[in-house]
């Protein structure tokens, strides 16, 4: 299993799918919107498109949405059911994805 798969499974386990989708959407719109850690995570988005994990499709869709919207605030409107902070999602993502 790839690290993208581990991240997707972990996010699924803690029921934070909308949170990860929102972060991916926001970073696809503006990779600098969440500072240096966000920029680091944004550089890993290509790994999602390359992943064969069965649940990654929703995140590829979130990335596509982020490239089409006018501003990253629209991601918060689209993915509004999230109980985790963006910082937490980015931190976990960076930890799991940087091992690859």
Protein backbone atom coordinates (compact mmCIF):
# COMPACT_ATOMS: atom_id res chain seq x y z
CA UNK A 1 0.00 0.00 0.00
CA UNK A 2 1.28 3.45 -0.87
CA UNK A 3 1.42 6.30 1.59
CA UNK A 4 -1.51 7.91 -0.24
CA UNK A 5 -3.43 4.72 0.55
CA UNK A 6 -2.42 4.92 4.20
CA UNK A 7 -3.55 8.54 4.39
CA UNK A 8 -6.85 7.80 2.65
CA UNK A 9 -7.50 4.83 4.95
CA UNK A 10 -6.62 6.84 8.06
CA UNK A 11 -8.87 9.74 7.02
CA UNK A 12 -11.65 7.25 6.32
CA UNK A 13 -11.14 5.68 9.74
CA UNK A 14 -11.48 8.99 11.59
CA UNK A 15 -14.32 10.09 9.28
CA UNK A 16 -12.47 13.14 7.98
CA UNK A 17 -13.02 12.57 4.25
CA UNK A 18 -14.60 16.00 3.74
CA UNK A 19 -11.73 17.62 5.63
CA UNK A 20 -9.09 16.09 3.38
CA UNK A 21 -11.16 16.90 0.30
CA UNK A 22 -11.51 20.53 1.44
CA UNK A 23 -7.78 20.87 2.06
CA UNK A 24 -6.97 19.38 -1.34
CA UNK A 25 -9.50 21.69 -2.98
CA UNK A 26 -8.05 24.76 -1.25
CA UNK A 27 -4.45 23.86 -2.04
CA UNK A 28 -5.32 23.13 -5.67
CA UNK A 29 -6.70 26.66 -5.91
CA UNK A 30 -3.76 28.27 -4.09
CA UNK A 31 -0.87 26.12 -2.89
CA UNK A 32 0.30 28.87 -0.55
CA UNK A 33 -3.00 29.51 1.24
CA UNK A 34 -1.95 27.44 4.28
CA UNK A 35 1.66 28.57 4.55
CA UNK A 36 4.80 26.48 4.27
CA UNK A 37 3.24 23.22 5.51
CA UNK A 38 0.37 23.67 3.06
CA UNK A 39 2.81 24.27 0.21
CA UNK A 40 4.65 21.08 1.16
CA UNK A 41 1.37 19.12 1.11
CA UNK A 42 0.35 20.73 -2.20
CA UNK A 43 3.50 19.33 -3.81
CA UNK A 44 2.24 15.83 -2.97
CA UNK A 45 -1.09 16.21 -4.77
CA UNK A 46 0.30 14.51 -7.88
CA UNK A 47 0.57 11.34 -5.78
CA UNK A 48 -3.22 11.31 -5.43
CA UNK A 49 -3.70 11.33 -9.21
CA UNK A 50 -1.20 8.49 -9.56
CA UNK A 51 -2.70 6.37 -6.77
CA UNK A 52 -4.71 3.26 -7.57
CA UNK A 53 -6.43 3.29 -4.16
CA UNK A 54 -10.18 2.73 -4.67
CA UNK A 55 -11.21 5.71 -2.50
CA UNK A 56 -8.86 8.28 -4.02
CA UNK A 57 -11.31 9.34 -6.76
CA UNK A 58 -13.13 11.80 -4.45
CA UNK A 59 -9.82 13.56 -3.73
CA UNK A 60 -8.91 13.80 -7.40
CA UNK A 61 -12.36 15.36 -7.88
CA UNK A 62 -11.63 17.84 -5.04
CA UNK A 63 -8.36 18.78 -6.72
CA UNK A 64 -10.17 19.33 -10.02
CA UNK A 65 -12.79 21.47 -8.29
CA UNK A 66 -10.05 23.58 -6.71
CA UNK A 67 -8.56 24.39 -10.09
CA UNK A 68 -11.94 25.57 -11.44
CA UNK A 69 -13.29 27.79 -8.64
CA UNK A 70 -12.66 31.51 -8.25
CA UNK A 71 -11.31 31.46 -4.68
CA UNK A 72 -10.43 28.84 -2.10
CA UNK A 73 -13.28 29.97 0.22
CA UNK A 74 -15.65 28.16 -2.14
CA UNK A 75 -14.00 24.91 -1.06
CA UNK A 76 -15.22 25.55 2.50
CA UNK A 77 -18.74 26.00 1.18
CA UNK A 78 -18.58 22.83 -0.90
CA UNK A 79 -16.91 20.72 1.82
CA UNK A 80 -18.53 22.14 4.93
CA UNK A 81 -18.88 19.01 7.09
CA UNK A 82 -15.48 18.89 8.76
CA UNK A 83 -14.70 18.58 12.46
CA UNK A 84 -10.90 18.77 12.16
CA UNK A 85 -8.66 21.76 11.69
CA UNK A 86 -6.96 22.31 8.38
CA UNK A 87 -3.63 22.40 10.22
CA UNK A 88 -4.23 18.94 11.68
CA UNK A 89 -5.12 17.44 8.30
CA UNK A 90 -2.08 19.01 6.62
CA UNK A 91 0.25 17.88 9.42
CA UNK A 92 -0.95 14.27 9.24
CA UNK A 93 -0.85 14.37 5.44
CA UNK A 94 2.70 15.65 5.37
CA UNK A 95 3.84 13.03 7.88
CA UNK A 96 2.31 10.14 5.96
CA UNK A 97 3.16 11.34 2.46
CA UNK A 98 6.74 12.38 3.12
CA UNK A 99 7.76 8.79 3.94
CA UNK A 100 7.34 7.74 0.29
